[in-house]
Protein backbone atom coordinates (compact mmCIF):
# COMPACT_ATOMS: atom_id res chain seq x y z
CA UNK A 1 165.01 -185.91 122.88
CA UNK A 2 168.08 -187.94 121.54
CA UNK A 3 169.60 -186.66 118.38
CA UNK A 4 168.34 -187.96 115.01
CA UNK A 5 170.43 -189.30 112.24
CA UNK A 6 170.37 -189.62 108.46
CA UNK A 7 168.89 -192.99 108.92
CA UNK A 8 166.48 -192.03 111.36
CA UNK A 9 164.84 -189.64 108.81
CA UNK A 10 164.69 -192.10 106.22
CA UNK A 11 163.19 -194.81 108.16
CA UNK A 12 160.43 -192.43 108.72
CA UNK A 13 160.12 -190.46 105.43
CA UNK A 14 162.11 -192.24 102.62
CA UNK A 15 160.93 -194.18 99.90
CA UNK A 16 158.72 -192.04 97.24
CA UNK A 17 158.75 -189.14 99.43
CA UNK A 18 162.64 -188.94 100.06
CA UNK A 19 165.21 -190.97 98.06
CA UNK A 20 168.69 -190.88 99.44
CA UNK A 21 171.23 -191.18 96.24
CA UNK A 22 174.47 -191.28 98.17
CA UNK A 23 176.02 -190.83 101.86
CA UNK A 24 179.31 -190.65 101.81
CA UNK A 25 179.64 -190.23 105.52
CA UNK A 26 177.32 -192.78 105.87
CA UNK A 27 173.53 -193.09 107.47
CA UNK A 28 174.55 -192.49 110.68
CA UNK A 29 175.58 -188.61 110.48
CA UNK A 30 173.44 -186.09 112.48
CA UNK A 31 170.51 -183.96 111.00
CA UNK A 32 169.71 -181.43 113.19
CA UNK A 33 166.87 -179.32 110.98
CA UNK A 34 165.90 -178.70 107.48
CA UNK A 35 166.70 -175.45 106.23
CA UNK A 36 165.48 -173.48 102.81
CA UNK A 37 168.56 -172.30 100.46
CA UNK A 38 168.58 -168.44 100.03
CA UNK A 39 170.07 -167.64 96.79
CA UNK A 40 170.55 -163.88 98.33
CA UNK A 41 172.37 -164.75 101.23
CA UNK A 42 175.13 -166.24 102.02
CA UNK A 43 175.18 -169.96 103.33
CA UNK A 44 176.13 -169.84 106.26
CA UNK A 45 177.98 -172.62 108.82
CA UNK A 46 175.10 -175.03 110.40
CA UNK A 47 176.45 -178.26 111.47
CA UNK A 48 174.49 -181.18 110.94
CA UNK A 49 171.44 -179.45 108.71
CA UNK A 50 170.03 -180.60 105.96
CA UNK A 51 169.96 -177.96 102.89
CA UNK A 52 167.01 -177.65 100.40
CA UNK A 53 168.22 -176.62 97.24
CA UNK A 54 165.03 -173.85 96.32
CA UNK A 55 165.68 -172.14 92.95
CA UNK A 56 168.65 -174.48 91.76
CA UNK A 57 168.11 -176.75 89.06
CA UNK A 58 169.16 -180.44 90.41
CA UNK A 59 171.72 -180.59 87.23
CA UNK A 60 172.65 -177.32 88.26
CA UNK A 61 173.36 -177.70 92.07
CA UNK A 62 177.29 -178.78 92.27
CA UNK A 63 178.43 -175.18 93.86
CA UNK A 64 175.91 -175.43 95.89
CA UNK A 65 176.69 -179.00 97.18
CA UNK A 66 180.30 -177.32 97.61
CA UNK A 67 179.20 -174.71 99.47
CA UNK A 68 177.45 -177.16 101.59
CA UNK A 69 180.62 -179.05 102.67
CA UNK A 70 181.94 -175.85 103.84
CA UNK A 71 179.39 -175.23 106.27
CA UNK A 72 179.62 -178.61 107.93
CA UNK A 73 175.95 -179.28 106.30
CA UNK A 74 174.68 -183.51 106.54
CA UNK A 75 173.37 -182.53 103.09
CA UNK A 76 171.60 -181.23 99.83
CA UNK A 77 168.31 -181.77 98.85
CA UNK A 78 167.42 -181.45 95.29
CA UNK A 79 163.94 -181.63 93.15
CA UNK A 80 164.52 -184.26 90.65
CA UNK A 81 166.98 -187.30 89.86
CA UNK A 82 169.46 -186.15 88.20
CA UNK A 83 171.89 -184.30 91.12
CA UNK A 84 175.14 -184.04 91.30
CA UNK A 85 176.38 -187.76 92.64
CA UNK A 86 179.99 -187.39 92.23
CA UNK A 87 180.53 -183.87 93.61
CA UNK A 88 178.24 -185.47 96.69
CA UNK A 89 181.08 -187.81 97.08
CA UNK A 90 183.71 -186.04 96.47
CA UNK A 91 182.67 -183.74 99.01
CA UNK A 92 181.51 -185.84 102.14
CA UNK A 93 177.67 -184.45 101.52
CA UNK A 94 174.79 -186.88 101.44
CA UNK A 95 172.80 -185.95 98.12
CA UNK A 96 168.96 -186.42 98.74
CA UNK A 97 165.91 -185.27 96.00
CA UNK A 98 162.04 -185.07 96.06
CA UNK A 99 160.06 -186.08 92.82
CA UNK A 100 159.46 -182.86 90.51
CA UNK A 101 156.93 -181.68 91.22
CA UNK A 102 157.30 -181.36 95.01
CA UNK A 103 156.05 -178.00 96.85
CA UNK A 104 159.46 -177.03 98.82
CA UNK A 105 157.14 -175.58 101.47
CA UNK A 106 155.71 -178.76 101.97
CA UNK A 107 158.83 -181.06 101.80
CA UNK A 108 160.48 -178.32 104.41
CA UNK A 109 157.52 -178.80 107.14
CA UNK A 110 157.52 -182.84 106.47
CA UNK A 111 161.34 -182.99 107.32
CA UNK A 112 161.20 -180.68 109.79
CA UNK A 113 158.18 -182.11 111.10
CA UNK A 114 160.42 -185.81 110.91
CA UNK A 115 163.75 -184.11 112.52
CA UNK A 116 162.30 -182.46 115.57
CA UNK A 117 159.26 -184.73 116.60
CA UNK A 118 161.91 -187.56 116.46
CA UNK A 119 160.87 -189.63 119.19
CA UNK A 120 163.07 -190.46 121.87
CA UNK A 121 163.96 -193.73 123.41
CA UNK A 122 161.79 -193.43 125.91
CA UNK A 123 158.50 -194.35 126.00
CA UNK A 124 156.97 -191.15 127.61
CA UNK A 125 157.60 -189.39 124.31
CA UNK A 126 156.72 -185.31 125.06
CA UNK A 127 155.51 -185.69 128.42
CA UNK A 128 158.86 -184.27 129.81
CA UNK A 129 158.06 -180.98 128.27
CA UNK A 130 154.15 -181.19 129.12
CA UNK A 131 155.65 -181.95 132.98
CA UNK A 132 158.12 -179.15 132.65
CA UNK A 133 155.22 -176.71 131.07
CA UNK A 134 153.06 -177.79 133.85
CA UNK A 135 155.99 -176.53 136.54
CA UNK A 136 155.89 -173.64 134.73
CA UNK A 137 152.18 -172.54 134.52
CA UNK A 138 151.83 -173.87 138.48
CA UNK A 139 155.13 -171.03 139.31
CA UNK A 140 153.23 -168.41 137.11
CA UNK A 141 149.87 -168.92 138.55
CA UNK A 142 150.58 -170.08 142.13
CA UNK A 143 147.91 -173.21 142.04
CA UNK A 144 149.28 -176.80 141.52
CA UNK A 145 148.72 -177.72 137.94
CA UNK A 146 147.42 -180.53 135.94
CA UNK A 147 147.40 -181.70 132.26
CA UNK A 148 144.47 -183.56 131.30
CA UNK A 149 143.78 -185.04 127.45
CA UNK A 150 140.15 -185.51 126.22
CA UNK A 151 139.43 -188.59 127.68
CA UNK A 152 140.49 -187.04 131.32
CA UNK A 153 143.58 -189.07 132.14
CA UNK A 154 146.16 -187.10 133.75
CA UNK A 155 149.41 -186.71 131.35
CA UNK A 156 151.74 -184.04 133.07
CA UNK A 157 151.16 -182.63 136.85
CA UNK A 158 153.27 -179.98 138.29
CA UNK A 159 155.72 -180.28 141.24
CA UNK A 160 156.36 -176.58 143.14
CA UNK A 161 156.72 -177.46 146.45
CA UNK A 162 154.05 -175.98 149.05
CA UNK A 163 151.31 -175.67 146.78
CA UNK A 164 148.07 -177.03 148.46
CA UNK A 165 146.40 -180.00 146.63
CA UNK A 166 143.71 -181.44 147.56
CA UNK A 167 142.00 -185.45 148.03
CA UNK A 168 140.32 -184.75 144.30
CA UNK A 169 144.03 -183.92 142.53
CA UNK A 170 145.78 -186.74 145.10
CA UNK A 171 143.33 -189.37 143.63
CA UNK A 172 144.13 -188.24 140.36
CA UNK A 173 147.76 -188.41 140.22
CA UNK A 174 147.69 -191.60 142.20
CA UNK A 175 145.36 -193.10 139.54
CA UNK A 176 146.56 -191.15 136.69
CA UNK A 177 142.53 -190.84 136.00
CA UNK A 178 140.23 -188.19 136.55
CA UNK A 179 137.95 -189.71 139.38
CA UNK A 180 134.45 -189.81 137.46
CA UNK A 181 131.07 -188.18 138.80
CA UNK A 182 127.55 -186.51 137.59
CA UNK A 183 129.59 -183.26 138.90
CA UNK A 184 133.00 -183.81 136.97
CA UNK A 185 130.85 -184.87 134.25
CA UNK A 186 129.29 -181.64 133.64
CA UNK A 187 132.26 -179.38 134.68
CA UNK A 188 134.18 -180.95 131.90
CA UNK A 189 130.85 -179.87 129.55
CA UNK A 190 131.19 -176.42 130.72
CA UNK A 191 134.64 -176.44 129.98
CA UNK A 192 134.80 -177.48 125.79
CA UNK A 193 131.61 -174.98 125.72
CA UNK A 194 134.27 -172.45 126.66
CA UNK A 195 137.04 -170.67 124.73
CA UNK A 196 138.53 -168.84 127.64
CA UNK A 197 139.63 -169.92 131.12
CA UNK A 198 136.51 -170.69 133.14
CA UNK A 199 136.50 -170.48 136.96
CA UNK A 200 134.52 -174.14 138.66
CA UNK A 201 133.71 -173.89 142.36
CA UNK A 202 134.76 -177.15 144.62
CA UNK A 203 132.86 -180.29 143.91
CA UNK A 204 132.66 -180.99 147.56
CA UNK A 205 133.59 -178.82 151.40
CA UNK A 206 136.95 -180.54 151.66
CA UNK A 207 138.20 -179.84 147.95
CA UNK A 208 139.61 -176.80 146.31
CA UNK A 209 137.80 -174.17 143.14
CA UNK A 210 139.80 -174.78 140.17
CA UNK A 211 141.13 -172.56 137.10
CA UNK A 212 140.75 -174.70 134.04
CA UNK A 213 141.29 -173.75 130.39
CA UNK A 214 140.27 -176.13 127.27
CA UNK A 215 143.62 -176.77 124.80
CA UNK A 216 142.57 -177.02 121.43
CA UNK A 217 144.32 -177.01 118.06
CA UNK A 218 142.62 -176.19 114.64
CA UNK A 219 139.11 -176.94 116.64
CA UNK A 220 140.30 -180.09 117.63
CA UNK A 221 140.21 -180.51 121.64
CA UNK A 222 143.24 -181.93 122.43
CA UNK A 223 142.90 -181.95 126.56
CA UNK A 224 142.68 -179.07 129.09
CA UNK A 225 145.29 -177.33 131.95
CA UNK A 226 143.79 -176.97 135.28
CA UNK A 227 145.05 -175.33 137.99
CA UNK A 228 143.96 -175.34 141.74
CA UNK A 229 142.53 -172.37 142.75
CA UNK A 230 143.32 -171.55 146.55
CA UNK A 231 142.06 -168.47 146.51
CA UNK A 232 145.46 -166.67 146.23
CA UNK A 233 145.99 -167.07 142.38
CA UNK A 234 147.94 -164.42 141.02
CA UNK A 235 146.01 -161.65 139.21
CA UNK A 236 146.91 -162.60 135.86
CA UNK A 237 146.51 -166.33 136.32
CA UNK A 238 143.68 -166.22 133.47
CA UNK A 239 146.29 -165.16 131.05
CA UNK A 240 148.99 -167.17 132.29
CA UNK A 241 146.35 -170.19 131.94
CA UNK A 242 145.50 -169.16 127.89
CA UNK A 243 149.69 -168.81 127.21
CA UNK A 244 149.99 -171.91 129.04
CA UNK A 245 147.21 -173.69 127.14
CA UNK A 246 148.25 -172.40 123.76
CA UNK A 247 151.55 -174.13 124.58
CA UNK A 248 149.92 -176.94 125.81
CA UNK A 249 148.63 -177.17 122.73
CA UNK A 250 151.64 -177.71 120.52
CA UNK A 251 153.63 -179.89 122.88
CA UNK A 252 150.18 -182.60 122.39
CA UNK A 253 150.60 -182.09 119.00
CA UNK A 254 154.46 -182.90 118.79
CA UNK A 255 153.59 -185.83 120.99
CA UNK A 256 151.18 -187.10 118.83
CA UNK A 257 153.25 -186.65 115.87
CA UNK A 258 155.93 -188.30 117.45
CA UNK A 259 153.90 -191.10 118.43
CA UNK A 260 153.08 -191.70 115.02
CA UNK A 261 156.14 -191.03 113.32
CA UNK A 262 157.40 -193.88 115.46
CA UNK A 263 154.76 -196.31 114.79
CA UNK A 264 155.63 -195.32 110.84
CA UNK A 265 159.18 -196.10 111.68
CA UNK A 266 158.32 -198.98 113.73
CA UNK A 267 155.76 -200.50 111.31
CA UNK A 268 158.43 -200.02 108.16
CA UNK A 269 161.06 -201.95 110.19
CA UNK A 270 158.90 -204.84 111.28
CA UNK A 271 157.62 -204.79 107.07
CA UNK A 272 161.50 -205.52 106.70
CA UNK A 273 162.05 -207.99 109.20
CA UNK A 274 159.15 -210.02 108.39
CA UNK A 275 159.84 -210.18 104.46
CA UNK A 276 163.37 -210.89 105.31
CA UNK A 277 165.26 -207.68 104.43
CA UNK A 278 166.27 -205.83 108.02
CA UNK A 279 169.55 -206.34 109.59
CA UNK A 280 167.26 -208.88 112.34
CA UNK A 281 169.07 -207.92 115.60
CA UNK A 282 169.07 -204.41 114.90
CA UNK A 283 165.54 -204.27 114.25
CA UNK A 284 164.43 -206.67 117.07
CA UNK A 285 166.48 -204.50 119.71
CA UNK A 286 164.53 -201.12 118.45
CA UNK A 287 160.97 -202.82 118.21
CA UNK A 288 161.54 -204.51 121.41
CA UNK A 289 161.41 -208.46 120.67
CA UNK A 290 163.37 -210.46 122.49
CA UNK A 291 163.10 -214.32 123.36
CA UNK A 292 161.33 -217.02 121.47
CA UNK A 293 158.02 -215.28 119.13
CA UNK A 294 155.87 -216.27 116.58
CA UNK A 295 154.08 -214.29 113.60
CA UNK A 296 150.67 -214.57 113.43
CA UNK A 297 148.15 -213.24 110.36
CA UNK A 298 144.76 -211.90 110.45
CA UNK A 299 142.59 -211.05 107.53
CA UNK A 300 139.60 -210.53 106.90
CA UNK A 301 137.22 -213.71 105.04
CA UNK A 302 137.58 -213.11 101.54
CA UNK A 303 134.66 -214.33 100.55
CA UNK A 304 133.03 -211.49 103.09
CA UNK A 305 131.02 -208.94 101.32
CA UNK A 306 132.73 -205.35 102.98
CA UNK A 307 132.37 -201.72 101.49
CA UNK A 308 135.41 -200.06 102.08
CA UNK A 309 137.85 -203.05 102.39
CA UNK A 310 140.92 -200.70 102.80
CA UNK A 311 138.97 -198.81 105.76
CA UNK A 312 138.15 -202.30 107.55
CA UNK A 313 141.55 -203.57 107.25
CA UNK A 314 142.90 -200.38 108.99
CA UNK A 315 140.59 -201.09 111.44
CA UNK A 316 140.65 -204.95 111.97
CA UNK A 317 145.35 -203.41 112.23
CA UNK A 318 144.00 -200.93 115.29
CA UNK A 319 141.77 -203.81 116.55
CA UNK A 320 145.15 -206.45 116.78
CA UNK A 321 147.31 -203.63 118.09
CA UNK A 322 144.81 -202.93 120.78
CA UNK A 323 144.14 -206.12 122.13
CA UNK A 324 148.19 -207.23 121.55
CA UNK A 325 149.30 -203.81 123.41
CA UNK A 326 146.76 -204.94 126.31
CA UNK A 327 148.21 -208.47 126.33
CA UNK A 328 151.70 -207.75 126.07
CA UNK A 329 152.72 -203.54 126.36
CA UNK A 330 154.72 -201.99 123.61
CA UNK A 331 153.92 -204.38 120.66
CA UNK A 332 155.19 -204.48 116.68
CA UNK A 333 151.71 -204.93 113.93
CA UNK A 334 152.12 -204.24 110.96
CA UNK A 335 149.29 -203.75 108.11
CA UNK A 336 150.88 -205.56 104.51
CA UNK A 337 148.72 -206.34 101.58
CA UNK A 338 145.76 -206.63 103.40
CA UNK A 339 147.04 -208.59 106.09
CA UNK A 340 147.55 -207.92 109.65
CA UNK A 341 150.85 -209.14 111.04
CA UNK A 342 151.60 -209.02 114.94
CA UNK A 343 154.79 -210.90 116.56
CA UNK A 344 153.61 -212.39 119.70
CA UNK A 345 156.31 -212.93 122.24
CA UNK A 346 156.87 -215.70 124.53
CA UNK A 347 156.99 -219.68 123.61
CA UNK A 348 153.52 -220.16 122.65
CA UNK A 349 151.12 -221.61 124.47
CA UNK A 350 148.29 -218.68 125.45
CA UNK A 351 149.31 -217.10 121.58
CA UNK A 352 146.46 -219.32 120.11
CA UNK A 353 143.15 -218.87 122.95
CA UNK A 354 144.57 -214.79 121.90
CA UNK A 355 143.92 -215.22 118.30
CA UNK A 356 140.54 -216.55 119.17
CA UNK A 357 139.85 -213.87 121.55
CA UNK A 358 141.14 -211.30 118.61
CA UNK A 359 139.21 -212.96 116.00
CA UNK A 360 135.83 -213.01 118.11
CA UNK A 361 136.01 -209.06 118.61
CA UNK A 362 136.93 -208.18 115.27
CA UNK A 363 134.59 -210.05 114.00
CA UNK A 364 132.08 -208.23 116.27
CA UNK A 365 133.66 -204.81 115.65
CA UNK A 366 133.74 -205.10 112.12
CA UNK A 367 130.28 -206.83 111.29
CA UNK A 368 132.58 -209.18 109.07
CA UNK A 369 134.22 -212.87 109.19
CA UNK A 370 138.21 -212.93 110.16
CA UNK A 371 140.78 -215.47 109.98
CA UNK A 372 143.70 -215.93 111.95
CA UNK A 373 146.41 -218.01 111.17
CA UNK A 374 149.93 -218.63 114.07
CA UNK A 375 153.39 -218.84 111.96
CA UNK A 376 155.95 -221.37 113.62
CA UNK A 377 157.29 -220.20 117.53
CA UNK A 378 161.25 -219.33 116.83
CA UNK A 379 163.59 -219.07 118.75
CA UNK A 380 164.86 -215.42 117.98
CA UNK A 381 163.85 -212.54 115.57
CA UNK A 382 166.29 -213.56 112.83
CA UNK A 383 163.74 -216.57 111.96
CA UNK A 384 160.55 -214.47 112.21
CA UNK A 385 160.37 -214.46 108.34
CA UNK A 386 160.11 -217.87 108.17
CA UNK A 387 157.66 -217.68 111.23
CA UNK A 388 155.61 -215.34 108.86
CA UNK A 389 155.51 -217.54 105.46
CA UNK A 390 154.17 -220.62 107.38
CA UNK A 391 151.21 -217.84 108.47
CA UNK A 392 150.89 -216.98 105.13
CA UNK A 393 150.63 -221.02 104.05
CA UNK A 394 148.09 -221.16 107.36
CA UNK A 395 145.77 -217.88 106.00
CA UNK A 396 145.31 -220.18 102.52
CA UNK A 397 144.05 -223.10 104.59
CA UNK A 398 141.74 -221.25 106.88
CA UNK A 399 137.18 -220.83 106.11
CA UNK A 400 134.83 -220.31 108.21
CA UNK A 401 134.96 -224.51 109.14
CA UNK A 402 138.27 -223.36 110.73
CA UNK A 403 138.98 -219.81 111.66
CA UNK A 404 141.89 -220.31 113.22
CA UNK A 405 144.99 -222.34 113.31
CA UNK A 406 148.86 -222.89 114.24
CA UNK A 407 150.83 -224.26 111.43
CA UNK A 408 151.53 -227.33 113.49
CA UNK A 409 148.18 -227.96 113.45
CA UNK A 410 147.40 -228.44 109.76
CA UNK A 411 151.24 -229.20 108.97
CA UNK A 412 150.69 -231.88 106.55
CA UNK A 413 148.09 -229.86 104.62
CA UNK A 414 150.90 -226.93 104.87
CA UNK A 415 153.40 -228.79 103.49
CA UNK A 416 151.59 -230.07 100.55
CA UNK A 417 151.00 -226.42 100.29
CA UNK A 418 154.89 -225.62 99.99
CA UNK A 419 154.93 -229.02 97.70
CA UNK A 420 153.09 -227.15 94.85
CA UNK A 421 154.48 -223.92 95.18
CA UNK A 422 158.14 -225.87 94.65
CA UNK A 423 156.57 -227.92 92.04
CA UNK A 424 154.86 -225.37 90.39
CA UNK A 425 157.95 -222.96 90.05
CA UNK A 426 159.68 -225.77 88.52
CA UNK A 427 159.31 -226.56 85.20
CA UNK A 428 160.88 -230.43 85.71
CA UNK A 429 158.83 -231.40 88.52
CA UNK A 430 155.75 -230.01 87.10
CA UNK A 431 155.56 -232.23 83.86
CA UNK A 432 154.07 -235.91 84.19
CA UNK A 433 151.90 -237.90 83.46
CA UNK A 434 149.50 -235.46 85.76
CA UNK A 435 148.84 -233.74 82.75
CA UNK A 436 147.61 -236.48 80.56
CA UNK A 437 145.42 -237.95 83.12
CA UNK A 438 143.48 -234.65 83.07
CA UNK A 439 143.77 -233.93 79.55
CA UNK A 440 141.66 -237.11 79.28
CA UNK A 441 139.55 -236.33 81.70
CA UNK A 442 138.68 -232.96 80.18
CA UNK A 443 138.15 -234.58 76.35
CA UNK A 444 136.38 -237.60 77.59
CA UNK A 445 134.51 -236.36 80.32
CA UNK A 446 135.85 -239.15 82.60
CA UNK A 447 136.85 -239.00 86.21
CA UNK A 448 139.93 -241.21 86.27
CA UNK A 449 142.09 -238.64 88.17
CA UNK A 450 139.81 -238.37 90.90
CA UNK A 451 139.76 -242.05 91.11
CA UNK A 452 143.36 -242.18 90.91
CA UNK A 453 143.62 -240.06 93.89
CA UNK A 454 140.66 -242.69 95.80
CA UNK A 455 143.06 -245.38 95.01
CA UNK A 456 146.10 -243.54 96.45
CA UNK A 457 144.44 -242.02 99.60
CA UNK A 458 143.31 -245.58 100.47
CA UNK A 459 146.37 -247.14 99.92
CA UNK A 460 145.80 -248.94 96.50
CA UNK A 461 142.76 -250.97 98.08
CA UNK A 462 140.72 -251.60 95.21
CA UNK A 463 138.07 -251.93 98.07
CA UNK A 464 138.82 -248.51 100.10
CA UNK A 465 139.13 -246.57 96.68
CA UNK A 466 135.36 -247.73 95.87
CA UNK A 467 134.17 -247.07 99.16
CA UNK A 468 135.07 -243.17 99.06
CA UNK A 469 133.70 -243.04 94.80
CA UNK A 470 130.68 -244.75 95.94
CA UNK A 471 131.20 -247.56 93.21
CA UNK A 472 131.76 -251.09 93.09
CA UNK A 473 135.49 -252.48 93.34
CA UNK A 474 134.90 -253.91 89.92
CA UNK A 475 134.19 -250.28 88.28
CA UNK A 476 137.01 -248.91 90.11
CA UNK A 477 138.99 -251.55 88.66
CA UNK A 478 138.12 -251.22 85.24
CA UNK A 479 138.68 -247.61 85.12
CA UNK A 480 142.17 -247.67 86.56
CA UNK A 481 143.02 -250.72 83.41
CA UNK A 482 141.01 -248.20 81.32
CA UNK A 483 143.30 -245.06 82.67
CA UNK A 484 146.49 -246.98 81.96
CA UNK A 485 145.41 -248.59 78.34
CA UNK A 486 144.48 -244.88 77.23
CA UNK A 487 147.38 -242.60 78.98
CA UNK A 488 150.28 -245.22 79.19
CA UNK A 489 150.93 -244.66 82.60
CA UNK A 490 152.56 -247.46 84.93
CA UNK A 491 150.56 -248.31 88.17
CA UNK A 492 152.72 -250.76 88.70
CA UNK A 493 156.00 -248.51 89.76
CA UNK A 494 155.81 -247.92 92.83
CA UNK A 495 157.78 -244.43 92.14
CA UNK A 496 155.39 -243.35 89.14
CA UNK A 497 152.45 -243.94 91.65
CA UNK A 498 154.39 -241.50 94.75
CA UNK A 499 155.12 -238.69 91.71
CA UNK A 500 151.94 -238.64 90.13
CA UNK A 501 150.07 -238.88 93.97
CA UNK A 502 151.57 -235.76 95.12
CA UNK A 503 151.17 -234.35 91.69
CA UNK A 504 147.48 -234.56 91.75
CA UNK A 505 147.17 -233.57 95.47
CA UNK A 506 149.26 -230.79 95.12
CA UNK A 507 149.19 -229.31 91.55
CA UNK A 508 146.07 -230.42 90.19
CA UNK A 509 144.58 -229.54 93.83
CA UNK A 510 142.59 -232.83 94.08
CA UNK A 511 141.83 -235.12 97.30
CA UNK A 512 139.68 -237.66 98.24
CA UNK A 513 136.65 -235.46 98.37
CA UNK A 514 137.24 -233.29 95.12
CA UNK A 515 133.96 -233.81 93.40
């Protein structure tokens, strides 16, 4: 496990839970542990530790900061925002704070877990310790050992030389999965009903018996530990296995915490990458995003009636993550404001098919319609914020008739949406004759605005506009003359026609099909 830094810690538990006020030595300083301050004991030298200022008011923590500097601590955590920032800067000590009502024991547990469970750079977080445990149990009991999860997947196995094994163990290790059989199912039923080591007979004439123990924590079954019984196990093999299962529970919980913390950290990194506030190359390296990629956005149909929208959105995140990981391996997904964003690597030929598959699977699993939008393929992580913006615009165009779309497929409509956003933010772009047209229609019950849009869409051809309006060309001509008379619009000016058409199409949202 590589050393946790202050920056790593803030990535995991930063924000409302833990605020950084100053870090004179930078965010790359190591954090080795979180310790509680004891006012009755002199502060010992603990390089890299974070000191929790228990019993010390934030405004009065200046002497404690100086003592922390002398003890070579990385930083001090106070309760409340009015801590001694200047003293911390002067002594080169990081100053952090938690909320006034935070319980110190909970803060200590949070920080200690974040520091102790920080994932290593390798993808097999926690498995190295499990392999060492399997070797230790095998050496102490005298039988080859395996650690499994509740789904009978082999997480670790012993490699002690000279210990006999059977074909069942060999096949399990080769596939990292226990071979399925009705006899196996019955043995697992017996095992998980027990609270002590269980001796299980051989499943066939060529196999060996087993000594097995369930791994539990707080009533939850985390897995099991199996020892091949050659008939020559140590006399205290059952006690050794029970102790080993207890240790395995701690390791499995730690590995789970590491995975969850890594997922939380990666989600925060991806969020900042997509909103353009992260250092894109550094974030991309940590997320494993290299080369061309695009952002896909998945969302529940807003018209769908979902009893618990937040929980359903989390389930949608699980579905998207599972499908993307099955296709691409390690993957970057995040849920933001009800939208699930995924970074899809590669040039993009298969992205639409994947999005359609996810929409179908998620719709079945969640019993609610799901929509998917694909942003532009960008050459590297620097452009992912723009690709996300594309996907957000495409989402606004999707409906039951168009549940999945890539930005290139709806480029014209997306461009109009972008223009509408820009024009809506600029007063001078939103002013003009179009407002007079809409106001006249609202006050007199006329349909001049739609008549104009149909005329523009028909290339200013009266017969074409009449067909769109389902009226006689003379009716269309009469409306346009009346419109000019009542609003003062000059339809002979090509510039005014262009601006008026853009404003009616973008700001008013009118089309030829608008009733």
